[in-house]
Amino acid sequence: MENILGALQFLTIARRYRKVEMSAAEIGSAIFYFPLVGFALGLILAGLNYLLEPYLESEILGTVDVTLLIHMTGAVHLEETQNAFELLSRRSQPARPSSGPPGIYGLLALLLIVLFKVRAIEVIGETRSLTLLLTPALARWAPLMLVYGSSPADHDSACVAERLRSWQLVVATVLVLAVAGYFIGIAGLWVGLSLSLLALSSRVYVNRRSGGFCRDDLGLLIELSESLSFVLLASL
């Protein structure tokens, strides 16, 4: 139960109200439950969509859904995404100071991610509720694949990685893909494959960039996975 609460705190707005930042050991112990928290977020999104769909146009409803998702997560993953892109920008511009106002890379990344989510939700159609139900869980399953077997960039990352067991990755993968396949068929499996490739390619990139993943990379991967899932499910 403690680990489930840890996952809930790390992935939701509750993290904003925690007085002490979560330790790497706490994150590592909770990471197995990330997809479960994603499913809970999806239930709320799908419920809101079901209630409002008869009254709102799809363009407005898509914005409402994404706004609720941002609020429930406290925008913590978007903040980590911005940090990751800012780091990339500074690496490409060594003369740029390491501190200061946000650069264009981070702001553009946030804008594009939000726009892709809103537009994808707008055009999904009849399967919108199922997509909203499953996508948060799929997106929060991807970090398990990034962490398992990856080289940690620092001591904190090593503490996260060493607590994720192979059986936990297998169980989470089987459950997430089984649920996705049951509700949305072959499209769910295609999304799962795409997220697997995204997570593995991200692992290669972060290993080359900094020798391994760091905490911000988890939030970045969640946001990219969520956007990719919405886009794929709107297109397939």
C-alpha atoms as a PDB file:
ATOM      1  CA  MET A   1       0.000   0.000   0.000  1.00  0.00           C
ATOM      2  CA  GLU A   2       2.852   2.369   0.831  1.00  0.00           C
ATOM      3  CA  ASN A   3       4.371   1.875  -2.626  1.00  0.00           C
ATOM      4  CA  ILE A   4       1.028   2.585  -4.321  1.00  0.00           C
ATOM      5  CA  LEU A   5       0.749   5.822  -2.376  1.00  0.00           C
ATOM      6  CA  GLY A   6       4.314   6.629  -3.393  1.00  0.00           C
ATOM      7  CA  ALA A   7       3.439   6.175  -7.057  1.00  0.00           C
ATOM      8  CA  LEU A   8       0.360   8.334  -6.564  1.00  0.00           C
ATOM      9  CA  GLN A   9       2.425  11.082  -4.982  1.00  0.00           C
ATOM     10  CA  PHE A  10       5.116  10.987  -7.649  1.00  0.00           C
ATOM     11  CA  LEU A  11       2.747  11.025 -10.635  1.00  0.00           C
ATOM     12  CA  THR A  12      -0.002  13.376  -9.506  1.00  0.00           C
ATOM     13  CA  ILE A  13      -0.561  16.864  -8.138  1.00  0.00           C
ATOM     14  CA  ALA A  14       0.033  15.436  -4.652  1.00  0.00           C
ATOM     15  CA  ARG A  15       3.733  15.798  -5.434  1.00  0.00           C
ATOM     16  CA  ARG A  16       3.309  19.586  -5.339  1.00  0.00           C
ATOM     17  CA  TYR A  17       2.139  19.417  -1.738  1.00  0.00           C
ATOM     18  CA  ARG A  18       4.743  16.993  -0.430  1.00  0.00           C
ATOM     19  CA  LYS A  19       7.031  18.823   1.984  1.00  0.00           C
ATOM     20  CA  VAL A  20      10.032  16.620   1.273  1.00  0.00           C
ATOM     21  CA  GLU A  21      10.979  15.507  -2.242  1.00  0.00           C
ATOM     22  CA  MET A  22      10.655  11.775  -2.830  1.00  0.00           C
ATOM     23  CA  SER A  23      13.873   9.847  -2.507  1.00  0.00           C
ATOM     24  CA  ALA A  24      15.207   7.686  -5.315  1.00  0.00           C
ATOM     25  CA  ALA A  25      14.546   4.585  -3.218  1.00  0.00           C
ATOM     26  CA  GLU A  26      10.888   5.560  -2.821  1.00  0.00           C
ATOM     27  CA  ILE A  27      10.531   6.135  -6.560  1.00  0.00           C
ATOM     28  CA  GLY A  28      12.188   2.813  -7.349  1.00  0.00           C
ATOM     29  CA  SER A  29       9.893   0.949  -4.985  1.00  0.00           C
ATOM     30  CA  ALA A  30       6.819   2.664  -6.467  1.00  0.00           C
ATOM     31  CA  ILE A  31       7.631   2.455 -10.178  1.00  0.00           C
ATOM     32  CA  PHE A  32       5.904  -0.925 -10.589  1.00  0.00           C
ATOM     33  CA  TYR A  33       2.621   0.780  -9.727  1.00  0.00           C
ATOM     34  CA  PHE A  34       2.961   3.621 -12.253  1.00  0.00           C
ATOM     35  CA  PRO A  35       0.538   1.974 -14.749  1.00  0.00           C
ATOM     36  CA  LEU A  36      -2.025   1.500 -11.965  1.00  0.00           C
ATOM     37  CA  VAL A  37      -1.971   5.215 -11.191  1.00  0.00           C
ATOM     38  CA  GLY A  38      -2.253   5.887 -14.925  1.00  0.00           C
ATOM     39  CA  PHE A  39      -5.349   3.722 -15.057  1.00  0.00           C
ATOM     40  CA  ALA A  40      -6.880   5.689 -12.160  1.00  0.00           C
ATOM     41  CA  LEU A  41      -6.202   8.941 -14.017  1.00  0.00           C
ATOM     42  CA  GLY A  42      -7.750   7.404 -17.115  1.00  0.00           C
ATOM     43  CA  LEU A  43     -10.903   6.462 -15.215  1.00  0.00           C
ATOM     44  CA  ILE A  44     -11.395  10.074 -14.168  1.00  0.00           C
ATOM     45  CA  LEU A  45     -10.744  11.360 -17.703  1.00  0.00           C
ATOM     46  CA  ALA A  46     -13.093   8.834 -19.282  1.00  0.00           C
ATOM     47  CA  GLY A  47     -15.780   9.606 -16.693  1.00  0.00           C
ATOM     48  CA  LEU A  48     -15.578  13.337 -17.351  1.00  0.00           C
ATOM     49  CA  ASN A  49     -15.655  12.770 -21.086  1.00  0.00           C
ATOM     50  CA  TYR A  50     -18.746  10.550 -20.764  1.00  0.00           C
ATOM     51  CA  LEU A  51     -20.560  13.203 -18.733  1.00  0.00           C
ATOM     52  CA  LEU A  52     -19.677  16.171 -20.933  1.00  0.00           C
ATOM     53  CA  GLU A  53     -19.721  14.631 -24.408  1.00  0.00           C
ATOM     54  CA  PRO A  54     -23.452  15.225 -25.007  1.00  0.00           C
ATOM     55  CA  TYR A  55     -23.083  18.914 -24.175  1.00  0.00           C
ATOM     56  CA  LEU A  56     -19.729  20.039 -25.606  1.00  0.00           C
ATOM     57  CA  GLU A  57     -18.293  20.115 -29.105  1.00  0.00           C
ATOM     58  CA  SER A  58     -15.312  17.822 -29.593  1.00  0.00           C
ATOM     59  CA  GLU A  59     -12.920  20.779 -29.989  1.00  0.00           C
ATOM     60  CA  ILE A  60     -13.884  22.149 -26.578  1.00  0.00           C
ATOM     61  CA  LEU A  61     -14.032  18.717 -24.960  1.00  0.00           C
ATOM     62  CA  GLY A  62     -10.492  17.906 -26.088  1.00  0.00           C
ATOM     63  CA  THR A  63      -9.205  21.042 -24.403  1.00  0.00           C
ATOM     64  CA  VAL A  64     -11.166  20.267 -21.227  1.00  0.00           C
ATOM     65  CA  ASP A  65      -9.774  16.709 -21.104  1.00  0.00           C
ATOM     66  CA  VAL A  66      -6.170  17.841 -21.502  1.00  0.00           C
ATOM     67  CA  THR A  67      -6.664  20.623 -18.949  1.00  0.00           C
ATOM     68  CA  LEU A  68      -7.968  18.100 -16.415  1.00  0.00           C
ATOM     69  CA  LEU A  69      -5.041  15.770 -17.091  1.00  0.00           C
ATOM     70  CA  ILE A  70      -2.559  18.604 -16.572  1.00  0.00           C
ATOM     71  CA  HIS A  71      -4.286  19.581 -13.342  1.00  0.00           C
ATOM     72  CA  MET A  72      -4.389  16.012 -11.986  1.00  0.00           C
ATOM     73  CA  THR A  73      -0.671  15.563 -12.640  1.00  0.00           C
ATOM     74  CA  GLY A  74       0.204  19.013 -11.329  1.00  0.00           C
ATOM     75  CA  ALA A  75       2.046  19.637 -14.620  1.00  0.00           C
ATOM     76  CA  VAL A  76       5.069  17.933 -13.045  1.00  0.00           C
ATOM     77  CA  HIS A  77       5.815  15.874 -16.166  1.00  0.00           C
ATOM     78  CA  LEU A  78       5.529  18.959 -18.369  1.00  0.00           C
ATOM     79  CA  GLU A  79       7.980  20.726 -16.091  1.00  0.00           C
ATOM     80  CA  GLU A  80      10.413  17.813 -16.360  1.00  0.00           C
ATOM     81  CA  THR A  81       9.964  17.820 -20.124  1.00  0.00           C
ATOM     82  CA  GLN A  82      10.853  21.495 -20.242  1.00  0.00           C
ATOM     83  CA  ASN A  83      13.914  20.851 -18.070  1.00  0.00           C
ATOM     84  CA  ALA A  84      15.057  18.036 -20.356  1.00  0.00           C
ATOM     85  CA  PHE A  85      14.740  20.153 -23.492  1.00  0.00           C
ATOM     86  CA  GLU A  86      16.434  23.087 -21.800  1.00  0.00           C
ATOM     87  CA  LEU A  87      19.351  20.793 -20.953  1.00  0.00           C
ATOM     88  CA  LEU A  88      19.497  19.696 -24.589  1.00  0.00           C
ATOM     89  CA  SER A  89      19.501  23.336 -25.677  1.00  0.00           C
ATOM     90  CA  ARG A  90      22.334  24.262 -23.333  1.00  0.00           C
ATOM     91  CA  ARG A  91      24.413  21.310 -24.505  1.00  0.00           C
ATOM     92  CA  SER A  92      24.052  22.528 -28.099  1.00  0.00           C
ATOM     93  CA  GLN A  93      24.917  26.125 -27.041  1.00  0.00           C
ATOM     94  CA  PRO A  94      27.848  25.944 -24.602  1.00  0.00           C
ATOM     95  CA  ALA A  95      28.058  29.739 -24.364  1.00  0.00           C
ATOM     96  CA  ARG A  96      24.533  30.006 -23.003  1.00  0.00           C
ATOM     97  CA  PRO A  97      24.334  30.462 -19.200  1.00  0.00           C
ATOM     98  CA  SER A  98      23.134  27.453 -17.242  1.00  0.00           C
ATOM     99  CA  SER A  99      20.526  29.539 -15.442  1.00  0.00           C
ATOM    100  CA  GLY A 100      18.131  32.204 -16.597  1.00  0.00           C
ATOM    101  CA  PRO A 101      14.738  32.511 -18.256  1.00  0.00           C
ATOM    102  CA  PRO A 102      13.301  29.519 -20.132  1.00  0.00           C
ATOM    103  CA  GLY A 103      14.611  29.086 -23.658  1.00  0.00           C
ATOM    104  CA  ILE A 104      12.654  28.487 -26.828  1.00  0.00           C
ATOM    105  CA  TYR A 105      13.283  24.721 -26.971  1.00  0.00           C
ATOM    106  CA  GLY A 106      11.525  23.982 -23.700  1.00  0.00           C
ATOM    107  CA  LEU A 107       8.576  26.250 -24.442  1.00  0.00           C
ATOM    108  CA  LEU A 108       8.102  24.860 -27.941  1.00  0.00           C
ATOM    109  CA  ALA A 109       8.233  21.296 -26.630  1.00  0.00           C
ATOM    110  CA  LEU A 110       5.439  22.016 -24.137  1.00  0.00           C
ATOM    111  CA  LEU A 111       3.339  23.796 -26.754  1.00  0.00           C
ATOM    112  CA  LEU A 112       3.638  20.979 -29.295  1.00  0.00           C
ATOM    113  CA  ILE A 113       2.903  18.259 -26.750  1.00  0.00           C
ATOM    114  CA  VAL A 114      -0.279  19.995 -25.566  1.00  0.00           C
ATOM    115  CA  LEU A 115      -1.401  20.753 -29.133  1.00  0.00           C
ATOM    116  CA  PHE A 116      -0.895  17.161 -30.278  1.00  0.00           C
ATOM    117  CA  LYS A 117      -2.899  15.859 -27.313  1.00  0.00           C
ATOM    118  CA  VAL A 118      -5.776  18.294 -27.787  1.00  0.00           C
ATOM    119  CA  ARG A 119      -6.027  17.752 -31.527  1.00  0.00           C
ATOM    120  CA  ALA A 120      -5.800  13.963 -31.261  1.00  0.00           C
ATOM    121  CA  ILE A 121      -8.558  13.821 -28.643  1.00  0.00           C
ATOM    122  CA  GLU A 122     -10.726  16.073 -30.824  1.00  0.00           C
ATOM    123  CA  VAL A 123     -10.665  13.709 -33.810  1.00  0.00           C
ATOM    124  CA  ILE A 124     -10.765  10.310 -32.092  1.00  0.00           C
ATOM    125  CA  GLY A 125     -14.545   9.982 -32.286  1.00  0.00           C
ATOM    126  CA  GLU A 126     -16.500   7.097 -30.761  1.00  0.00           C
ATOM    127  CA  THR A 127     -13.519   5.488 -29.045  1.00  0.00           C
ATOM    128  CA  ARG A 128     -12.529   8.683 -27.215  1.00  0.00           C
ATOM    129  CA  SER A 129     -13.568   7.422 -23.776  1.00  0.00           C
ATOM    130  CA  LEU A 130     -11.628   4.170 -24.170  1.00  0.00           C
ATOM    131  CA  THR A 131      -8.595   6.096 -25.403  1.00  0.00           C
ATOM    132  CA  LEU A 132      -8.749   8.422 -22.408  1.00  0.00           C
ATOM    133  CA  LEU A 133      -9.094   5.418 -20.118  1.00  0.00           C
ATOM    134  CA  LEU A 134      -6.082   3.507 -21.458  1.00  0.00           C
ATOM    135  CA  THR A 135      -3.571   6.103 -22.650  1.00  0.00           C
ATOM    136  CA  PRO A 136      -2.440   7.338 -19.197  1.00  0.00           C
ATOM    137  CA  ALA A 137      -1.720   3.733 -18.141  1.00  0.00           C
ATOM    138  CA  LEU A 138       0.180   2.975 -21.351  1.00  0.00           C
ATOM    139  CA  ALA A 139       2.228   6.161 -20.986  1.00  0.00           C
ATOM    140  CA  ARG A 140       3.154   5.329 -17.381  1.00  0.00           C
ATOM    141  CA  TRP A 141       4.166   1.809 -18.341  1.00  0.00           C
ATOM    142  CA  ALA A 142       6.865   3.126 -20.694  1.00  0.00           C
ATOM    143  CA  PRO A 143       9.200   4.357 -17.888  1.00  0.00           C
ATOM    144  CA  LEU A 144       9.524   0.779 -16.637  1.00  0.00           C
ATOM    145  CA  MET A 145      11.118  -0.171 -19.946  1.00  0.00           C
ATOM    146  CA  LEU A 146      13.426   2.823 -19.813  1.00  0.00           C
ATOM    147  CA  VAL A 147      14.600   2.073 -16.276  1.00  0.00           C
ATOM    148  CA  TYR A 148      14.998  -1.702 -16.481  1.00  0.00           C
ATOM    149  CA  GLY A 149      18.451  -2.619 -17.710  1.00  0.00           C
ATOM    150  CA  SER A 150      19.400   1.007 -18.294  1.00  0.00           C
ATOM    151  CA  SER A 151      22.624   2.595 -17.132  1.00  0.00           C
ATOM    152  CA  PRO A 152      21.949   5.114 -14.346  1.00  0.00           C
ATOM    153  CA  ALA A 153      23.422   8.598 -14.719  1.00  0.00           C
ATOM    154  CA  ASP A 154      23.927   9.091 -10.974  1.00  0.00           C
ATOM    155  CA  HIS A 155      23.475   7.451  -7.594  1.00  0.00           C
ATOM    156  CA  ASP A 156      19.786   8.391  -7.379  1.00  0.00           C
ATOM    157  CA  SER A 157      19.077   6.809 -10.754  1.00  0.00           C
ATOM    158  CA  ALA A 158      20.915   3.677  -9.671  1.00  0.00           C
ATOM    159  CA  CYS A 159      18.655   3.440  -6.604  1.00  0.00           C
ATOM    160  CA  VAL A 160      15.603   3.599  -8.872  1.00  0.00           C
ATOM    161  CA  ALA A 161      16.906   1.004 -11.328  1.00  0.00           C
ATOM    162  CA  GLU A 162      18.017  -1.561  -8.751  1.00  0.00           C
ATOM    163  CA  ARG A 163      14.536  -1.749  -7.228  1.00  0.00           C
ATOM    164  CA  LEU A 164      12.754  -2.659 -10.468  1.00  0.00           C
ATOM    165  CA  ARG A 165      12.740  -6.443 -10.810  1.00  0.00           C
ATOM    166  CA  SER A 166      12.401  -8.373 -14.053  1.00  0.00           C
ATOM    167  CA  TRP A 167       9.199 -10.068 -12.879  1.00  0.00           C
ATOM    168  CA  GLN A 168       7.659  -6.666 -12.190  1.00  0.00           C
ATOM    169  CA  LEU A 169       8.389  -5.528 -15.745  1.00  0.00           C
ATOM    170  CA  VAL A 170       6.931  -8.748 -17.159  1.00  0.00           C
ATOM    171  CA  VAL A 171       3.778  -8.592 -15.022  1.00  0.00           C
ATOM    172  CA  ALA A 172       3.192  -4.903 -15.777  1.00  0.00           C
ATOM    173  CA  THR A 173       3.737  -5.471 -19.507  1.00  0.00           C
ATOM    174  CA  VAL A 174       1.389  -8.454 -19.702  1.00  0.00           C
ATOM    175  CA  LEU A 175      -1.365  -6.712 -17.741  1.00  0.00           C
ATOM    176  CA  VAL A 176      -1.156  -3.383 -19.583  1.00  0.00           C
ATOM    177  CA  LEU A 177      -1.075  -4.961 -23.054  1.00  0.00           C
ATOM    178  CA  ALA A 178      -3.798  -7.461 -22.168  1.00  0.00           C
ATOM    179  CA  VAL A 179      -6.133  -4.689 -21.011  1.00  0.00           C
ATOM    180  CA  ALA A 180      -5.293  -2.511 -24.035  1.00  0.00           C
ATOM    181  CA  GLY A 181      -5.795  -5.424 -26.416  1.00  0.00           C
ATOM    182  CA  TYR A 182      -9.093  -6.384 -24.804  1.00  0.00           C
ATOM    183  CA  PHE A 183     -10.610  -2.908 -25.008  1.00  0.00           C
ATOM    184  CA  ILE A 184      -9.238  -1.557 -28.289  1.00  0.00           C
ATOM    185  CA  GLY A 185      -7.981  -4.663 -30.075  1.00  0.00           C
ATOM    186  CA  ILE A 186      -4.973  -4.721 -32.360  1.00  0.00           C
ATOM    187  CA  ALA A 187      -4.619  -0.939 -32.164  1.00  0.00           C
ATOM    188  CA  GLY A 188      -3.725  -1.275 -28.471  1.00  0.00           C
ATOM    189  CA  LEU A 189      -0.972  -3.749 -29.288  1.00  0.00           C
ATOM    190  CA  TRP A 190       0.416  -1.486 -32.002  1.00  0.00           C
ATOM    191  CA  VAL A 191       0.532   1.370 -29.514  1.00  0.00           C
ATOM    192  CA  GLY A 192       2.300  -0.897 -27.021  1.00  0.00           C
ATOM    193  CA  LEU A 193       4.901  -1.820 -29.637  1.00  0.00           C
ATOM    194  CA  SER A 194       5.408   1.846 -30.540  1.00  0.00           C
ATOM    195  CA  LEU A 195       5.903   2.833 -26.911  1.00  0.00           C
ATOM    196  CA  SER A 196       8.367  -0.027 -26.457  1.00  0.00           C
ATOM    197  CA  LEU A 197      10.428   1.284 -29.375  1.00  0.00           C
ATOM    198  CA  LEU A 198      10.209   4.833 -28.013  1.00  0.00           C
ATOM    199  CA  ALA A 199      11.391   3.705 -24.561  1.00  0.00           C
ATOM    200  CA  LEU A 200      14.260   1.629 -25.958  1.00  0.00           C
ATOM    201  CA  SER A 201      15.406   4.395 -28.296  1.00  0.00           C
ATOM    202  CA  SER A 202      15.197   6.845 -25.383  1.00  0.00           C
ATOM    203  CA  ARG A 203      17.408   4.507 -23.367  1.00  0.00           C
ATOM    204  CA  VAL A 204      20.037   4.526 -26.121  1.00  0.00           C
ATOM    205  CA  TYR A 205      19.851   8.312 -26.354  1.00  0.00           C
ATOM    206  CA  VAL A 206      20.160   9.050 -22.626  1.00  0.00           C
ATOM    207  CA  ASN A 207      23.020   6.561 -22.319  1.00  0.00           C
ATOM    208  CA  ARG A 208      24.923   8.420 -25.035  1.00  0.00           C
ATOM    209  CA  ARG A 209      23.913  11.856 -23.774  1.00  0.00           C
ATOM    210  CA  SER A 210      24.773  11.555 -20.100  1.00  0.00           C
ATOM    211  CA  GLY A 211      25.679   7.945 -19.410  1.00  0.00           C
ATOM    212  CA  GLY A 212      22.179   6.980 -18.287  1.00  0.00           C
ATOM    213  CA  PHE A 213      18.739   8.210 -17.348  1.00  0.00           C
ATOM    214  CA  CYS A 214      17.930  10.806 -14.712  1.00  0.00           C
ATOM    215  CA  ARG A 215      14.711  11.694 -12.884  1.00  0.00           C
ATOM    216  CA  ASP A 216      13.549  14.270 -15.444  1.00  0.00           C
ATOM    217  CA  ASP A 217      13.770  11.646 -18.181  1.00  0.00           C
ATOM    218  CA  LEU A 218      10.884   9.743 -16.573  1.00  0.00           C
ATOM    219  CA  GLY A 219       8.549  12.714 -16.884  1.00  0.00           C
ATOM    220  CA  LEU A 220       9.747  13.438 -20.410  1.00  0.00           C
ATOM    221  CA  LEU A 221       9.084   9.864 -21.505  1.00  0.00           C
ATOM    222  CA  ILE A 222       5.604   9.922 -19.945  1.00  0.00           C
ATOM    223  CA  GLU A 223       4.676  13.082 -21.862  1.00  0.00           C
ATOM    224  CA  LEU A 224       6.093  11.800 -25.163  1.00  0.00           C
ATOM    225  CA  SER A 225       4.410   8.416 -24.696  1.00  0.00           C
ATOM    226  CA  GLU A 226       1.082  10.039 -23.878  1.00  0.00           C
ATOM    227  CA  SER A 227       1.231  12.264 -26.953  1.00  0.00           C
ATOM    228  CA  LEU A 228       2.277   9.388 -29.196  1.00  0.00           C
ATOM    229  CA  SER A 229      -0.494   7.145 -27.840  1.00  0.00           C
ATOM    230  CA  PHE A 230      -3.175   9.769 -28.427  1.00  0.00           C
ATOM    231  CA  VAL A 231      -1.933  10.440 -31.960  1.00  0.00           C
ATOM    232  CA  LEU A 232      -1.718   6.756 -32.872  1.00  0.00           C
ATOM    233  CA  LEU A 233      -5.129   5.894 -31.465  1.00  0.00           C
ATOM    234  CA  ALA A 234      -6.616   8.839 -33.340  1.00  0.00           C
ATOM    235  CA  SER A 235      -4.977   7.662 -36.575  1.00  0.00           C
ATOM    236  CA  LEU A 236      -5.274   3.856 -36.525  1.00  0.00           C
END
